Amino acid sequence: MISNPPADESLVALAQRGDMAALDSLVRRYQSWVFNLALRMVWRREVAEDATQEILIKAVTHLGSFEGRSQFRTWLHRIAVNHLLNVRKSEMEEKAMTFTDMGASLDAVVEEDLPDEKTLPVTQSMIVEEARLGCITAMLMCLDRRQRLAFILGEVMGEDSETAAAALEVSSANFRQLLSRARHDLYQFMNHKCGLVNQANPCRCARKASGFMRHGWLDPADLQFTKDRVTSVQKAAPEHLRELEGLDRQHAKLYRSQPMLAGPDIASRLRELLENSGFAKN
């Protein structure tokens, strides 16, 4: 018989007493969630890895101050959100890209066939998938940080409004307003540009992928969004039906079908750092 995994509260209590195995389990439980949140916020995988490590170091080093007044998950969400709201801007954010800018960039990419698969380090289908995921993630960068976080938490990661509002430290009503504005702006752009949600639009991932590679937006030797996938967001995060009822779900399904990536093994890095710093009890 398979035993149920220990609750967060049990692991936290042990970790606060210096149990490194419990701390390791706690970090491993949440490192992929933090990484996937960060990746959708900053677009570049290496920047997301750095942000994930910084977030988890903050959580671990402040674990002694956690008093259990909220769920550990909510507490960690708040640390992650605060970090991502204030972290230095990524290369993509520095461009301050608007939806108008992104539309013009997509229009400027010449449509063409993909190179022969024999010349690529991965399959053509993988290149097309990378182009699709990279493009719809880049669309998020046209939102400001608070709108982007509201959309990722509520629409992509499937958090209910109460949990997401607590992470953003706003009321549930304010969170729903942020999410509504983000949906409106993003989905309006997709309706007029993206062939995945509106077949009348000419833009097609398979026809743009070669141009993405030429512009340096897609590197077949260094995939950002398609390697180390473990499941889809939709399977990993339950759909919160109250917020989603009555909406056009085609757009949301496109984002919720994105893969959840395993990401880097931050737990091992953290353990080594903590042991070297003397954090662990002898």
C-alpha atoms as a PDB file:
ATOM      1  CA  MET A   1       0.000   0.000   0.000  1.00  0.00           C
ATOM      2  CA  ILE A   2       1.312   3.448  -0.992  1.00  0.00           C
ATOM      3  CA  SER A   3       1.259   5.854   1.953  1.00  0.00           C
ATOM      4  CA  ASN A   4       0.057   9.413   1.528  1.00  0.00           C
ATOM      5  CA  PRO A   5       2.847  12.015   1.300  1.00  0.00           C
ATOM      6  CA  PRO A   6       3.340  14.083   4.454  1.00  0.00           C
ATOM      7  CA  ALA A   7       1.389  17.330   4.651  1.00  0.00           C
ATOM      8  CA  ASP A   8       3.183  20.617   4.115  1.00  0.00           C
ATOM      9  CA  GLU A   9       2.679  21.516   7.760  1.00  0.00           C
ATOM     10  CA  SER A  10       4.479  18.380   8.920  1.00  0.00           C
ATOM     11  CA  LEU A  11       7.415  19.001   6.603  1.00  0.00           C
ATOM     12  CA  VAL A  12       7.607  22.660   7.652  1.00  0.00           C
ATOM     13  CA  ALA A  13       7.673  21.743  11.356  1.00  0.00           C
ATOM     14  CA  LEU A  14      10.483  19.248  10.774  1.00  0.00           C
ATOM     15  CA  ALA A  15      12.426  21.627   8.538  1.00  0.00           C
ATOM     16  CA  GLN A  16      12.166  24.389  11.136  1.00  0.00           C
ATOM     17  CA  ARG A  17      13.889  22.026  13.572  1.00  0.00           C
ATOM     18  CA  GLY A  18      16.748  21.502  11.102  1.00  0.00           C
ATOM     19  CA  ASP A  19      15.592  18.325   9.346  1.00  0.00           C
ATOM     20  CA  MET A  20      17.299  18.625   5.965  1.00  0.00           C
ATOM     21  CA  ALA A  21      15.406  15.691   4.462  1.00  0.00           C
ATOM     22  CA  ALA A  22      12.086  17.397   5.239  1.00  0.00           C
ATOM     23  CA  LEU A  23      13.371  20.673   3.804  1.00  0.00           C
ATOM     24  CA  ASP A  24      14.534  18.858   0.685  1.00  0.00           C
ATOM     25  CA  SER A  25      11.082  17.268   0.254  1.00  0.00           C
ATOM     26  CA  LEU A  26       9.361  20.616   0.702  1.00  0.00           C
ATOM     27  CA  VAL A  27      11.520  22.322  -1.910  1.00  0.00           C
ATOM     28  CA  ARG A  28      11.088  19.462  -4.388  1.00  0.00           C
ATOM     29  CA  ARG A  29       7.317  19.620  -3.940  1.00  0.00           C
ATOM     30  CA  TYR A  30       7.162  23.250  -5.104  1.00  0.00           C
ATOM     31  CA  GLN A  31      10.253  23.935  -7.221  1.00  0.00           C
ATOM     32  CA  SER A  32       8.555  23.044 -10.520  1.00  0.00           C
ATOM     33  CA  TRP A  33       5.528  25.220  -9.712  1.00  0.00           C
ATOM     34  CA  VAL A  34       7.780  28.199  -8.931  1.00  0.00           C
ATOM     35  CA  PHE A  35       9.851  27.591 -12.071  1.00  0.00           C
ATOM     36  CA  ASN A  36       6.807  27.416 -14.352  1.00  0.00           C
ATOM     37  CA  LEU A  37       5.410  30.600 -12.834  1.00  0.00           C
ATOM     38  CA  ALA A  38       8.763  32.369 -13.306  1.00  0.00           C
ATOM     39  CA  LEU A  39       9.221  31.120 -16.885  1.00  0.00           C
ATOM     40  CA  ARG A  40       5.880  32.562 -17.939  1.00  0.00           C
ATOM     41  CA  MET A  41       6.776  35.842 -16.247  1.00  0.00           C
ATOM     42  CA  VAL A  42      10.248  36.363 -17.759  1.00  0.00           C
ATOM     43  CA  TRP A  43      10.169  34.250 -20.986  1.00  0.00           C
ATOM     44  CA  ARG A  44      13.842  33.235 -20.874  1.00  0.00           C
ATOM     45  CA  ARG A  45      14.601  29.890 -19.251  1.00  0.00           C
ATOM     46  CA  GLU A  46      17.942  30.867 -17.703  1.00  0.00           C
ATOM     47  CA  VAL A  47      16.399  33.983 -16.135  1.00  0.00           C
ATOM     48  CA  ALA A  48      13.530  31.854 -14.789  1.00  0.00           C
ATOM     49  CA  GLU A  49      16.003  29.376 -13.273  1.00  0.00           C
ATOM     50  CA  ASP A  50      17.809  32.203 -11.466  1.00  0.00           C
ATOM     51  CA  ALA A  51      14.514  33.628 -10.214  1.00  0.00           C
ATOM     52  CA  THR A  52      13.380  30.198  -9.009  1.00  0.00           C
ATOM     53  CA  GLN A  53      16.553  29.689  -7.000  1.00  0.00           C
ATOM     54  CA  GLU A  54      16.309  33.184  -5.494  1.00  0.00           C
ATOM     55  CA  ILE A  55      12.649  32.663  -4.532  1.00  0.00           C
ATOM     56  CA  LEU A  56      13.322  29.319  -2.879  1.00  0.00           C
ATOM     57  CA  ILE A  57      16.378  30.662  -1.037  1.00  0.00           C
ATOM     58  CA  LYS A  58      14.168  33.452   0.335  1.00  0.00           C
ATOM     59  CA  ALA A  59      11.552  30.914   1.418  1.00  0.00           C
ATOM     60  CA  VAL A  60      14.084  28.598   3.060  1.00  0.00           C
ATOM     61  CA  THR A  61      15.987  31.321   4.895  1.00  0.00           C
ATOM     62  CA  HIS A  62      12.746  32.844   6.189  1.00  0.00           C
ATOM     63  CA  LEU A  63      11.114  29.535   7.032  1.00  0.00           C
ATOM     64  CA  GLY A  64      11.675  30.156  10.729  1.00  0.00           C
ATOM     65  CA  SER A  65       9.321  33.143  10.550  1.00  0.00           C
ATOM     66  CA  PHE A  66       6.468  31.058   9.103  1.00  0.00           C
ATOM     67  CA  GLU A  67       3.894  30.762  11.892  1.00  0.00           C
ATOM     68  CA  GLY A  68       1.209  28.787  10.095  1.00  0.00           C
ATOM     69  CA  ARG A  69      -1.324  31.627   9.990  1.00  0.00           C
ATOM     70  CA  SER A  70      -1.914  30.716   6.358  1.00  0.00           C
ATOM     71  CA  GLN A  71      -1.208  27.602   4.345  1.00  0.00           C
ATOM     72  CA  PHE A  72       2.457  27.145   3.459  1.00  0.00           C
ATOM     73  CA  ARG A  73       1.451  27.135  -0.212  1.00  0.00           C
ATOM     74  CA  THR A  74      -0.136  30.593   0.136  1.00  0.00           C
ATOM     75  CA  TRP A  75       2.907  31.888   2.033  1.00  0.00           C
ATOM     76  CA  LEU A  76       5.265  30.613  -0.682  1.00  0.00           C
ATOM     77  CA  HIS A  77       3.032  32.058  -3.411  1.00  0.00           C
ATOM     78  CA  ARG A  78       3.315  35.479  -1.781  1.00  0.00           C
ATOM     79  CA  ILE A  79       7.122  35.264  -1.662  1.00  0.00           C
ATOM     80  CA  ALA A  80       7.228  34.223  -5.334  1.00  0.00           C
ATOM     81  CA  VAL A  81       4.844  36.960  -6.441  1.00  0.00           C
ATOM     82  CA  ASN A  82       6.651  39.690  -4.500  1.00  0.00           C
ATOM     83  CA  HIS A  83       9.973  38.573  -5.972  1.00  0.00           C
ATOM     84  CA  LEU A  84       8.677  38.464  -9.537  1.00  0.00           C
ATOM     85  CA  LEU A  85       7.024  41.871  -9.187  1.00  0.00           C
ATOM     86  CA  ASN A  86      10.320  43.428  -8.126  1.00  0.00           C
ATOM     87  CA  VAL A  87      13.002  41.357  -9.860  1.00  0.00           C
ATOM     88  CA  ARG A  88      15.152  43.086 -12.462  1.00  0.00           C
ATOM     89  CA  LYS A  89      13.572  43.249 -15.873  1.00  0.00           C
ATOM     90  CA  SER A  90      14.372  40.459 -18.274  1.00  0.00           C
ATOM     91  CA  GLU A  91      15.712  41.136 -21.763  1.00  0.00           C
ATOM     92  CA  MET A  92      12.191  40.769 -23.130  1.00  0.00           C
ATOM     93  CA  GLU A  93      10.727  43.205 -20.602  1.00  0.00           C
ATOM     94  CA  GLU A  94      13.421  45.783 -21.328  1.00  0.00           C
ATOM     95  CA  LYS A  95      11.976  46.073 -24.814  1.00  0.00           C
ATOM     96  CA  ALA A  96       8.682  47.322 -23.271  1.00  0.00           C
ATOM     97  CA  MET A  97       6.829  45.533 -26.063  1.00  0.00           C
ATOM     98  CA  THR A  98       3.195  46.439 -26.655  1.00  0.00           C
ATOM     99  CA  PHE A  99       0.615  44.343 -28.485  1.00  0.00           C
ATOM    100  CA  THR A 100       1.024  46.740 -31.424  1.00  0.00           C
ATOM    101  CA  ASP A 101       4.779  46.088 -31.409  1.00  0.00           C
ATOM    102  CA  MET A 102       4.271  42.342 -31.264  1.00  0.00           C
ATOM    103  CA  GLY A 103       1.769  42.416 -34.100  1.00  0.00           C
ATOM    104  CA  ALA A 104       4.224  44.368 -36.256  1.00  0.00           C
ATOM    105  CA  SER A 105       7.050  41.937 -35.382  1.00  0.00           C
ATOM    106  CA  LEU A 106       4.941  38.932 -36.367  1.00  0.00           C
ATOM    107  CA  ASP A 107       3.897  40.604 -39.619  1.00  0.00           C
ATOM    108  CA  ALA A 108       7.570  41.246 -40.428  1.00  0.00           C
ATOM    109  CA  VAL A 109       8.476  37.548 -40.149  1.00  0.00           C
ATOM    110  CA  VAL A 110       8.500  36.024 -43.627  1.00  0.00           C
ATOM    111  CA  GLU A 111       6.408  32.849 -43.927  1.00  0.00           C
ATOM    112  CA  GLU A 112       8.343  29.892 -45.255  1.00  0.00           C
ATOM    113  CA  ASP A 113       8.800  26.152 -44.986  1.00  0.00           C
ATOM    114  CA  LEU A 114      10.915  24.679 -42.209  1.00  0.00           C
ATOM    115  CA  PRO A 115      14.452  23.469 -43.015  1.00  0.00           C
ATOM    116  CA  ASP A 116      14.971  19.815 -43.817  1.00  0.00           C
ATOM    117  CA  GLU A 117      14.609  17.821 -40.609  1.00  0.00           C
ATOM    118  CA  LYS A 118      17.995  16.186 -41.219  1.00  0.00           C
ATOM    119  CA  THR A 119      19.636  19.573 -40.646  1.00  0.00           C
ATOM    120  CA  LEU A 120      17.882  20.151 -37.315  1.00  0.00           C
ATOM    121  CA  PRO A 121      18.872  18.830 -33.863  1.00  0.00           C
ATOM    122  CA  VAL A 122      15.198  18.096 -33.095  1.00  0.00           C
ATOM    123  CA  THR A 123      12.131  17.163 -35.101  1.00  0.00           C
ATOM    124  CA  GLN A 124      10.166  19.687 -37.146  1.00  0.00           C
ATOM    125  CA  SER A 125       7.125  19.069 -34.950  1.00  0.00           C
ATOM    126  CA  MET A 126       9.204  20.019 -31.898  1.00  0.00           C
ATOM    127  CA  ILE A 127      10.292  23.240 -33.629  1.00  0.00           C
ATOM    128  CA  VAL A 128       6.672  24.124 -34.412  1.00  0.00           C
ATOM    129  CA  GLU A 129       5.631  23.399 -30.836  1.00  0.00           C
ATOM    130  CA  GLU A 130       8.483  25.556 -29.514  1.00  0.00           C
ATOM    131  CA  ALA A 131       7.380  28.364 -31.842  1.00  0.00           C
ATOM    132  CA  ARG A 132       3.788  28.069 -30.625  1.00  0.00           C
ATOM    133  CA  LEU A 133       4.678  28.057 -26.947  1.00  0.00           C
ATOM    134  CA  GLY A 134       7.258  30.796 -27.308  1.00  0.00           C
ATOM    135  CA  CYS A 135       4.834  33.026 -29.178  1.00  0.00           C
ATOM    136  CA  ILE A 136       1.896  32.714 -26.802  1.00  0.00           C
ATOM    137  CA  THR A 137       4.250  33.193 -23.845  1.00  0.00           C
ATOM    138  CA  ALA A 138       5.720  36.289 -25.510  1.00  0.00           C
ATOM    139  CA  MET A 139       2.183  37.677 -25.750  1.00  0.00           C
ATOM    140  CA  LEU A 140       2.093  37.722 -21.953  1.00  0.00           C
ATOM    141  CA  MET A 141       5.063  40.098 -21.965  1.00  0.00           C
ATOM    142  CA  CYS A 142       2.818  42.772 -23.481  1.00  0.00           C
ATOM    143  CA  LEU A 143       0.894  42.900 -20.189  1.00  0.00           C
ATOM    144  CA  ASP A 144       2.261  44.833 -17.227  1.00  0.00           C
ATOM    145  CA  ARG A 145       3.670  42.718 -14.402  1.00  0.00           C
ATOM    146  CA  ARG A 146       0.605  42.757 -12.154  1.00  0.00           C
ATOM    147  CA  GLN A 147      -1.759  41.906 -15.007  1.00  0.00           C
ATOM    148  CA  ARG A 148       0.646  39.214 -16.190  1.00  0.00           C
ATOM    149  CA  LEU A 149       0.825  37.633 -12.738  1.00  0.00           C
ATOM    150  CA  ALA A 150      -2.940  37.793 -12.345  1.00  0.00           C
ATOM    151  CA  PHE A 151      -3.386  36.052 -15.702  1.00  0.00           C
ATOM    152  CA  ILE A 152      -0.763  33.378 -15.019  1.00  0.00           C
ATOM    153  CA  LEU A 153      -2.084  32.615 -11.529  1.00  0.00           C
ATOM    154  CA  GLY A 154      -5.771  32.697 -12.416  1.00  0.00           C
ATOM    155  CA  GLU A 155      -6.009  31.613 -16.032  1.00  0.00           C
ATOM    156  CA  VAL A 156      -2.926  29.458 -16.570  1.00  0.00           C
ATOM    157  CA  MET A 157      -2.135  27.921 -13.173  1.00  0.00           C
ATOM    158  CA  GLY A 158      -5.785  27.561 -12.164  1.00  0.00           C
ATOM    159  CA  GLU A 159      -5.600  29.312  -8.778  1.00  0.00           C
ATOM    160  CA  ASP A 160      -8.926  30.420  -7.330  1.00  0.00           C
ATOM    161  CA  SER A 161      -9.431  34.153  -6.849  1.00  0.00           C
ATOM    162  CA  GLU A 162      -8.989  33.990  -3.071  1.00  0.00           C
ATOM    163  CA  THR A 163      -5.606  32.225  -3.264  1.00  0.00           C
ATOM    164  CA  ALA A 164      -4.331  34.395  -6.122  1.00  0.00           C
ATOM    165  CA  ALA A 165      -5.545  37.580  -4.426  1.00  0.00           C
ATOM    166  CA  ALA A 166      -3.696  36.617  -1.238  1.00  0.00           C
ATOM    167  CA  ALA A 167      -0.492  36.098  -3.231  1.00  0.00           C
ATOM    168  CA  LEU A 168      -0.849  39.510  -4.868  1.00  0.00           C
ATOM    169  CA  GLU A 169      -1.964  41.050  -1.559  1.00  0.00           C
ATOM    170  CA  VAL A 170      -5.135  42.526  -3.039  1.00  0.00           C
ATOM    171  CA  SER A 171      -8.814  41.866  -2.453  1.00  0.00           C
ATOM    172  CA  SER A 172     -10.529  39.114  -4.419  1.00  0.00           C
ATOM    173  CA  ALA A 173     -12.544  41.793  -6.231  1.00  0.00           C
ATOM    174  CA  ASN A 174      -9.372  43.648  -7.238  1.00  0.00           C
ATOM    175  CA  PHE A 175      -7.785  40.414  -8.411  1.00  0.00           C
ATOM    176  CA  ARG A 176     -10.782  39.650 -10.613  1.00  0.00           C
ATOM    177  CA  GLN A 177     -10.541  43.150 -12.103  1.00  0.00           C
ATOM    178  CA  LEU A 178      -6.836  42.647 -12.878  1.00  0.00           C
ATOM    179  CA  LEU A 179      -7.563  39.272 -14.450  1.00  0.00           C
ATOM    180  CA  SER A 180     -10.480  40.647 -16.457  1.00  0.00           C
ATOM    181  CA  ARG A 181      -8.380  43.465 -17.931  1.00  0.00           C
ATOM    182  CA  ALA A 182      -5.550  41.058 -18.751  1.00  0.00           C
ATOM    183  CA  ARG A 183      -7.933  38.667 -20.493  1.00  0.00           C
ATOM    184  CA  HIS A 184      -9.552  41.484 -22.470  1.00  0.00           C
ATOM    185  CA  ASP A 185      -6.271  42.912 -23.768  1.00  0.00           C
ATOM    186  CA  LEU A 186      -4.654  39.550 -24.491  1.00  0.00           C
ATOM    187  CA  TYR A 187      -7.656  37.878 -26.067  1.00  0.00           C
ATOM    188  CA  GLN A 188      -8.476  40.912 -28.201  1.00  0.00           C
ATOM    189  CA  PHE A 189      -4.972  40.711 -29.678  1.00  0.00           C
ATOM    190  CA  MET A 190      -5.246  36.964 -30.232  1.00  0.00           C
ATOM    191  CA  ASN A 191      -8.625  37.319 -31.947  1.00  0.00           C
ATOM    192  CA  HIS A 192      -7.107  39.724 -34.478  1.00  0.00           C
ATOM    193  CA  LYS A 193      -3.724  38.055 -34.953  1.00  0.00           C
ATOM    194  CA  CYS A 194      -3.453  34.412 -33.846  1.00  0.00           C
ATOM    195  CA  GLY A 195      -4.443  31.655 -36.243  1.00  0.00           C
ATOM    196  CA  LEU A 196      -4.746  29.215 -33.342  1.00  0.00           C
ATOM    197  CA  VAL A 197      -7.913  30.906 -32.031  1.00  0.00           C
ATOM    198  CA  ASN A 198      -9.260  32.452 -35.224  1.00  0.00           C
ATOM    199  CA  GLN A 199      -8.768  30.512 -38.445  1.00  0.00           C
ATOM    200  CA  ALA A 200      -9.400  33.679 -40.460  1.00  0.00           C
ATOM    201  CA  ASN A 201      -6.043  34.993 -39.256  1.00  0.00           C
ATOM    202  CA  PRO A 202      -3.158  34.046 -41.580  1.00  0.00           C
ATOM    203  CA  CYS A 203      -0.495  33.670 -38.861  1.00  0.00           C
ATOM    204  CA  ARG A 204       0.556  30.007 -38.538  1.00  0.00           C
ATOM    205  CA  CYS A 205       3.254  28.659 -36.224  1.00  0.00           C
ATOM    206  CA  ALA A 206       4.635  26.195 -38.792  1.00  0.00           C
ATOM    207  CA  ARG A 207       5.084  28.971 -41.355  1.00  0.00           C
ATOM    208  CA  LYS A 208       6.693  31.411 -38.884  1.00  0.00           C
ATOM    209  CA  ALA A 209       9.093  29.029 -37.107  1.00  0.00           C
ATOM    210  CA  SER A 210      11.947  29.430 -39.611  1.00  0.00           C
ATOM    211  CA  GLY A 211      11.712  33.198 -39.304  1.00  0.00           C
ATOM    212  CA  PHE A 212      11.722  32.910 -35.510  1.00  0.00           C
ATOM    213  CA  MET A 213      14.991  30.976 -35.765  1.00  0.00           C
ATOM    214  CA  ARG A 214      16.466  33.582 -38.114  1.00  0.00           C
ATOM    215  CA  HIS A 215      15.566  36.400 -35.708  1.00  0.00           C
ATOM    216  CA  GLY A 216      17.121  34.502 -32.796  1.00  0.00           C
ATOM    217  CA  TRP A 217      13.795  34.061 -31.017  1.00  0.00           C
ATOM    218  CA  LEU A 218      13.965  30.271 -31.304  1.00  0.00           C
ATOM    219  CA  ASP A 219      17.109  28.182 -30.895  1.00  0.00           C
ATOM    220  CA  PRO A 220      16.544  24.511 -31.837  1.00  0.00           C
ATOM    221  CA  ALA A 221      19.659  23.588 -29.845  1.00  0.00           C
ATOM    222  CA  ASP A 222      18.403  25.335 -26.701  1.00  0.00           C
ATOM    223  CA  LEU A 223      14.663  24.836 -26.361  1.00  0.00           C
ATOM    224  CA  GLN A 224      12.977  27.010 -23.732  1.00  0.00           C
ATOM    225  CA  PHE A 225       9.446  25.643 -23.519  1.00  0.00           C
ATOM    226  CA  THR A 226       9.323  22.071 -24.794  1.00  0.00           C
ATOM    227  CA  LYS A 227      12.111  20.153 -23.027  1.00  0.00           C
ATOM    228  CA  ASP A 228      11.696  18.276 -19.707  1.00  0.00           C
ATOM    229  CA  ARG A 229       7.917  18.412 -19.818  1.00  0.00           C
ATOM    230  CA  VAL A 230       6.155  16.367 -17.143  1.00  0.00           C
ATOM    231  CA  THR A 231       2.448  17.017 -17.802  1.00  0.00           C
ATOM    232  CA  SER A 232       0.125  19.764 -19.000  1.00  0.00           C
ATOM    233  CA  VAL A 233      -0.921  22.681 -16.845  1.00  0.00           C
ATOM    234  CA  GLN A 234      -4.515  21.605 -17.271  1.00  0.00           C
ATOM    235  CA  LYS A 235      -3.801  18.233 -15.649  1.00  0.00           C
ATOM    236  CA  ALA A 236      -1.625  19.710 -12.902  1.00  0.00           C
ATOM    237  CA  ALA A 237      -3.929  22.586 -11.951  1.00  0.00           C
ATOM    238  CA  PRO A 238      -7.688  22.144 -11.391  1.00  0.00           C
ATOM    239  CA  GLU A 239      -9.967  24.432 -13.359  1.00  0.00           C
ATOM    240  CA  HIS A 240     -11.738  27.004 -11.211  1.00  0.00           C
ATOM    241  CA  LEU A 241     -15.172  26.939 -12.827  1.00  0.00           C
ATOM    242  CA  ARG A 242     -16.739  29.872 -10.970  1.00  0.00           C
ATOM    243  CA  GLU A 243     -14.394  32.378 -12.616  1.00  0.00           C
ATOM    244  CA  LEU A 244     -14.460  30.676 -16.009  1.00  0.00           C
ATOM    245  CA  GLU A 245     -18.139  30.020 -16.594  1.00  0.00           C
ATOM    246  CA  GLY A 246     -19.615  31.726 -19.609  1.00  0.00           C
ATOM    247  CA  LEU A 247     -16.248  32.768 -21.082  1.00  0.00           C
ATOM    248  CA  ASP A 248     -14.860  31.781 -24.442  1.00  0.00           C
ATOM    249  CA  ARG A 249     -12.606  28.941 -23.343  1.00  0.00           C
ATOM    250  CA  GLN A 250     -10.666  28.538 -26.587  1.00  0.00           C
ATOM    251  CA  HIS A 251      -8.088  31.121 -25.513  1.00  0.00           C
ATOM    252  CA  ALA A 252      -7.719  29.761 -21.987  1.00  0.00           C
ATOM    253  CA  LYS A 253      -7.381  26.187 -23.211  1.00  0.00           C
ATOM    254  CA  LEU A 254      -4.504  27.284 -25.415  1.00  0.00           C
ATOM    255  CA  TYR A 255      -2.626  28.504 -22.347  1.00  0.00           C
ATOM    256  CA  ARG A 256      -3.697  25.694 -20.038  1.00  0.00           C
ATOM    257  CA  SER A 257      -2.541  23.082 -22.555  1.00  0.00           C
ATOM    258  CA  GLN A 258       1.030  24.376 -22.155  1.00  0.00           C
ATOM    259  CA  PRO A 259       3.408  21.840 -20.629  1.00  0.00           C
ATOM    260  CA  MET A 260       4.420  21.920 -17.002  1.00  0.00           C
ATOM    261  CA  LEU A 261       8.196  21.652 -17.119  1.00  0.00           C
ATOM    262  CA  ALA A 262      10.320  19.874 -14.548  1.00  0.00           C
ATOM    263  CA  GLY A 263      12.820  22.698 -14.525  1.00  0.00           C
ATOM    264  CA  PRO A 264      16.163  22.672 -12.694  1.00  0.00           C
ATOM    265  CA  ASP A 265      16.888  20.624  -9.586  1.00  0.00           C
ATOM    266  CA  ILE A 266      16.961  23.587  -7.208  1.00  0.00           C
ATOM    267  CA  ALA A 267      16.575  21.325  -4.156  1.00  0.00           C
ATOM    268  CA  SER A 268      20.032  19.832  -4.636  1.00  0.00           C
ATOM    269  CA  ARG A 269      21.590  23.250  -5.174  1.00  0.00           C
ATOM    270  CA  LEU A 270      19.896  24.614  -2.074  1.00  0.00           C
ATOM    271  CA  ARG A 271      20.940  21.693   0.074  1.00  0.00           C
ATOM    272  CA  GLU A 272      24.576  22.165  -0.924  1.00  0.00           C
ATOM    273  CA  LEU A 273      24.396  25.909  -0.266  1.00  0.00           C
ATOM    274  CA  LEU A 274      22.760  25.432   3.122  1.00  0.00           C
ATOM    275  CA  GLU A 275      25.146  22.709   4.223  1.00  0.00           C
ATOM    276  CA  ASN A 276      28.135  24.839   3.220  1.00  0.00           C
ATOM    277  CA  SER A 277      26.707  27.798   5.138  1.00  0.00           C
ATOM    278  CA  GLY A 278      26.200  25.766   8.297  1.00  0.00           C
ATOM    279  CA  PHE A 279      22.419  26.039   8.147  1.00  0.00           C
ATOM    280  CA  ALA A 280      21.935  22.304   8.619  1.00  0.00           C
ATOM    281  CA  LYS A 281      22.280  20.841  12.092  1.00  0.00           C
ATOM    282  CA  ASN A 282      25.143  18.467  12.614  1.00  0.00           C
END
